[in-house]
């Protein structure tokens, strides 16, 4: 087989493959993804000092991983003597200890572990 014949054969096969694949295809259905569904709180754990603040963010996602907008999230601390949480998800460390801050939206809950360390001592001069 000469180089020209081989080149023509490759061209014919490429065209045949292109014609065979030229029919429109159906897009696959959007399959649900397990990771990232439900209520997600970020960060899942945080360590702060007393007097410091960490901002938690809650996101609600459907079974396809799409973010659901307009959902009201409520927050609560398991130990308000250690850490309090504002309606916007900001957690204030009050005293050394541990607390779980839980977000609730659309009947789903998720929490973040908060470790509060003692206030850092001020350096003496």
C-alpha atoms as a PDB file:
ATOM      1  CA  UNK A   1       0.000   0.000   0.000  1.00  0.00           C
ATOM      2  CA  UNK A   2       1.464   3.351  -0.994  1.00  0.00           C
ATOM      3  CA  UNK A   3       1.510   6.426   1.190  1.00  0.00           C
ATOM      4  CA  UNK A   4      -1.182   8.122  -0.968  1.00  0.00           C
ATOM      5  CA  UNK A   5      -3.494   5.090  -0.790  1.00  0.00           C
ATOM      6  CA  UNK A   6      -2.997   4.840   2.961  1.00  0.00           C
ATOM      7  CA  UNK A   7      -3.756   8.575   3.320  1.00  0.00           C
ATOM      8  CA  UNK A   8      -6.982   8.194   1.279  1.00  0.00           C
ATOM      9  CA  UNK A   9      -8.022   5.187   3.359  1.00  0.00           C
ATOM     10  CA  UNK A  10      -7.516   7.147   6.594  1.00  0.00           C
ATOM     11  CA  UNK A  11      -9.539  10.050   5.154  1.00  0.00           C
ATOM     12  CA  UNK A  12     -12.394   7.767   4.081  1.00  0.00           C
ATOM     13  CA  UNK A  13     -12.471   6.076   7.505  1.00  0.00           C
ATOM     14  CA  UNK A  14     -12.433   9.446   9.279  1.00  0.00           C
ATOM     15  CA  UNK A  15     -15.334  10.709   7.134  1.00  0.00           C
ATOM     16  CA  UNK A  16     -17.300   7.508   7.740  1.00  0.00           C
ATOM     17  CA  UNK A  17     -16.785   7.858  11.477  1.00  0.00           C
ATOM     18  CA  UNK A  18     -17.843  11.509  11.372  1.00  0.00           C
ATOM     19  CA  UNK A  19     -21.026  10.704   9.418  1.00  0.00           C
ATOM     20  CA  UNK A  20     -21.867   7.876  11.812  1.00  0.00           C
ATOM     21  CA  UNK A  21     -21.502  10.241  14.776  1.00  0.00           C
ATOM     22  CA  UNK A  22     -23.322  13.177  13.214  1.00  0.00           C
ATOM     23  CA  UNK A  23     -26.727  12.242  14.601  1.00  0.00           C
ATOM     24  CA  UNK A  24     -27.762  14.389  17.555  1.00  0.00           C
ATOM     25  CA  UNK A  25     -27.423  12.696  20.904  1.00  0.00           C
ATOM     26  CA  UNK A  26     -29.574  12.958  23.958  1.00  0.00           C
ATOM     27  CA  UNK A  27     -27.880  14.576  26.895  1.00  0.00           C
ATOM     28  CA  UNK A  28     -27.717  12.256  29.889  1.00  0.00           C
ATOM     29  CA  UNK A  29     -30.110  13.052  32.705  1.00  0.00           C
ATOM     30  CA  UNK A  30     -28.765  15.127  35.543  1.00  0.00           C
ATOM     31  CA  UNK A  31     -28.041  12.372  38.022  1.00  0.00           C
ATOM     32  CA  UNK A  32     -28.162  13.200  41.709  1.00  0.00           C
ATOM     33  CA  UNK A  33     -24.798  13.570  43.366  1.00  0.00           C
ATOM     34  CA  UNK A  34     -24.475  12.442  46.955  1.00  0.00           C
ATOM     35  CA  UNK A  35     -21.566  14.695  47.956  1.00  0.00           C
ATOM     36  CA  UNK A  36     -22.701  18.236  48.577  1.00  0.00           C
ATOM     37  CA  UNK A  37     -26.388  17.515  49.124  1.00  0.00           C
ATOM     38  CA  UNK A  38     -28.424  18.768  52.042  1.00  0.00           C
ATOM     39  CA  UNK A  39     -27.226  21.385  54.493  1.00  0.00           C
ATOM     40  CA  UNK A  40     -23.499  22.104  54.536  1.00  0.00           C
ATOM     41  CA  UNK A  41     -21.767  24.187  57.224  1.00  0.00           C
ATOM     42  CA  UNK A  42     -18.288  25.563  56.614  1.00  0.00           C
ATOM     43  CA  UNK A  43     -15.952  25.302  58.419  1.00  0.00           C
ATOM     44  CA  UNK A  44     -16.837  21.959  59.998  1.00  0.00           C
ATOM     45  CA  UNK A  45     -14.517  22.731  62.932  1.00  0.00           C
ATOM     46  CA  UNK A  46     -12.815  25.884  64.155  1.00  0.00           C
ATOM     47  CA  UNK A  47     -10.511  26.913  66.970  1.00  0.00           C
ATOM     48  CA  UNK A  48     -10.599  30.479  68.229  1.00  0.00           C
ATOM     49  CA  UNK A  49      -9.539  32.334  71.358  1.00  0.00           C
ATOM     50  CA  UNK A  50     -11.977  33.892  73.800  1.00  0.00           C
ATOM     51  CA  UNK A  51     -12.908  37.301  72.394  1.00  0.00           C
ATOM     52  CA  UNK A  52     -12.410  36.222  68.784  1.00  0.00           C
ATOM     53  CA  UNK A  53     -15.055  35.630  66.122  1.00  0.00           C
ATOM     54  CA  UNK A  54     -15.323  33.005  63.397  1.00  0.00           C
ATOM     55  CA  UNK A  55     -17.907  33.273  60.620  1.00  0.00           C
ATOM     56  CA  UNK A  56     -19.778  30.074  59.757  1.00  0.00           C
ATOM     57  CA  UNK A  57     -21.539  29.727  56.424  1.00  0.00           C
ATOM     58  CA  UNK A  58     -24.481  27.416  55.786  1.00  0.00           C
ATOM     59  CA  UNK A  59     -25.478  26.343  52.282  1.00  0.00           C
ATOM     60  CA  UNK A  60     -28.495  24.230  51.398  1.00  0.00           C
ATOM     61  CA  UNK A  61     -28.174  22.092  48.251  1.00  0.00           C
ATOM     62  CA  UNK A  62     -30.678  19.898  46.426  1.00  0.00           C
ATOM     63  CA  UNK A  63     -30.058  16.282  45.374  1.00  0.00           C
ATOM     64  CA  UNK A  64     -28.315  17.539  42.221  1.00  0.00           C
ATOM     65  CA  UNK A  65     -25.857  19.740  44.131  1.00  0.00           C
ATOM     66  CA  UNK A  66     -27.587  22.998  43.135  1.00  0.00           C
ATOM     67  CA  UNK A  67     -27.617  25.701  45.780  1.00  0.00           C
ATOM     68  CA  UNK A  68     -31.088  26.541  47.088  1.00  0.00           C
ATOM     69  CA  UNK A  69     -31.544  30.280  47.520  1.00  0.00           C
ATOM     70  CA  UNK A  70     -33.910  32.094  49.834  1.00  0.00           C
ATOM     71  CA  UNK A  71     -33.807  29.537  52.656  1.00  0.00           C
ATOM     72  CA  UNK A  72     -33.782  30.879  56.190  1.00  0.00           C
ATOM     73  CA  UNK A  73     -31.053  29.424  58.394  1.00  0.00           C
ATOM     74  CA  UNK A  74     -31.333  29.473  62.178  1.00  0.00           C
ATOM     75  CA  UNK A  75     -28.310  28.967  64.429  1.00  0.00           C
ATOM     76  CA  UNK A  76     -27.866  27.705  67.966  1.00  0.00           C
ATOM     77  CA  UNK A  77     -24.941  27.023  70.305  1.00  0.00           C
ATOM     78  CA  UNK A  78     -24.807  23.943  72.503  1.00  0.00           C
ATOM     79  CA  UNK A  79     -22.853  25.872  75.154  1.00  0.00           C
ATOM     80  CA  UNK A  80     -23.555  29.599  75.274  1.00  0.00           C
ATOM     81  CA  UNK A  81     -21.130  30.021  78.160  1.00  0.00           C
ATOM     82  CA  UNK A  82     -18.325  29.073  75.761  1.00  0.00           C
ATOM     83  CA  UNK A  83     -19.545  30.445  72.413  1.00  0.00           C
ATOM     84  CA  UNK A  84     -22.559  32.381  71.205  1.00  0.00           C
ATOM     85  CA  UNK A  85     -23.795  32.558  67.632  1.00  0.00           C
ATOM     86  CA  UNK A  86     -25.465  35.477  65.872  1.00  0.00           C
ATOM     87  CA  UNK A  87     -28.296  35.107  63.325  1.00  0.00           C
ATOM     88  CA  UNK A  88     -25.738  35.599  60.507  1.00  0.00           C
ATOM     89  CA  UNK A  89     -23.578  32.648  61.685  1.00  0.00           C
ATOM     90  CA  UNK A  90     -20.842  34.630  63.409  1.00  0.00           C
ATOM     91  CA  UNK A  91     -19.575  32.760  66.462  1.00  0.00           C
ATOM     92  CA  UNK A  92     -18.033  34.677  69.377  1.00  0.00           C
ATOM     93  CA  UNK A  93     -15.751  32.816  71.748  1.00  0.00           C
ATOM     94  CA  UNK A  94     -16.511  33.738  75.354  1.00  0.00           C
ATOM     95  CA  UNK A  95     -14.493  31.354  77.529  1.00  0.00           C
ATOM     96  CA  UNK A  96     -12.269  28.310  77.178  1.00  0.00           C
ATOM     97  CA  UNK A  97     -14.149  25.139  76.274  1.00  0.00           C
ATOM     98  CA  UNK A  98     -16.016  23.422  73.479  1.00  0.00           C
ATOM     99  CA  UNK A  99     -19.379  24.009  71.828  1.00  0.00           C
ATOM    100  CA  UNK A 100     -21.289  22.719  68.835  1.00  0.00           C
ATOM    101  CA  UNK A 101     -22.945  25.342  66.706  1.00  0.00           C
ATOM    102  CA  UNK A 102     -25.874  23.914  64.774  1.00  0.00           C
ATOM    103  CA  UNK A 103     -27.527  25.360  61.680  1.00  0.00           C
ATOM    104  CA  UNK A 104     -31.102  24.394  60.784  1.00  0.00           C
ATOM    105  CA  UNK A 105     -32.822  25.038  57.453  1.00  0.00           C
ATOM    106  CA  UNK A 106     -35.731  23.337  55.728  1.00  0.00           C
ATOM    107  CA  UNK A 107     -35.867  20.624  58.403  1.00  0.00           C
ATOM    108  CA  UNK A 108     -32.206  19.710  57.957  1.00  0.00           C
ATOM    109  CA  UNK A 109     -29.445  20.274  60.512  1.00  0.00           C
ATOM    110  CA  UNK A 110     -25.667  20.384  60.393  1.00  0.00           C
ATOM    111  CA  UNK A 111     -23.152  21.498  62.980  1.00  0.00           C
ATOM    112  CA  UNK A 112     -19.652  22.816  63.429  1.00  0.00           C
ATOM    113  CA  UNK A 113     -17.376  21.994  66.351  1.00  0.00           C
ATOM    114  CA  UNK A 114     -16.000  25.105  68.008  1.00  0.00           C
ATOM    115  CA  UNK A 115     -13.004  24.934  70.334  1.00  0.00           C
ATOM    116  CA  UNK A 116     -12.390  28.113  72.329  1.00  0.00           C
ATOM    117  CA  UNK A 117      -8.973  28.677  73.852  1.00  0.00           C
ATOM    118  CA  UNK A 118      -8.320  31.062  76.760  1.00  0.00           C
ATOM    119  CA  UNK A 119      -7.601  34.679  75.947  1.00  0.00           C
ATOM    120  CA  UNK A 120      -3.997  35.248  75.066  1.00  0.00           C
ATOM    121  CA  UNK A 121      -2.175  36.965  77.894  1.00  0.00           C
ATOM    122  CA  UNK A 122      -1.054  40.480  77.131  1.00  0.00           C
ATOM    123  CA  UNK A 123       2.712  40.794  77.117  1.00  0.00           C
ATOM    124  CA  UNK A 124       4.136  42.729  80.054  1.00  0.00           C
ATOM    125  CA  UNK A 125       6.552  45.547  79.462  1.00  0.00           C
END
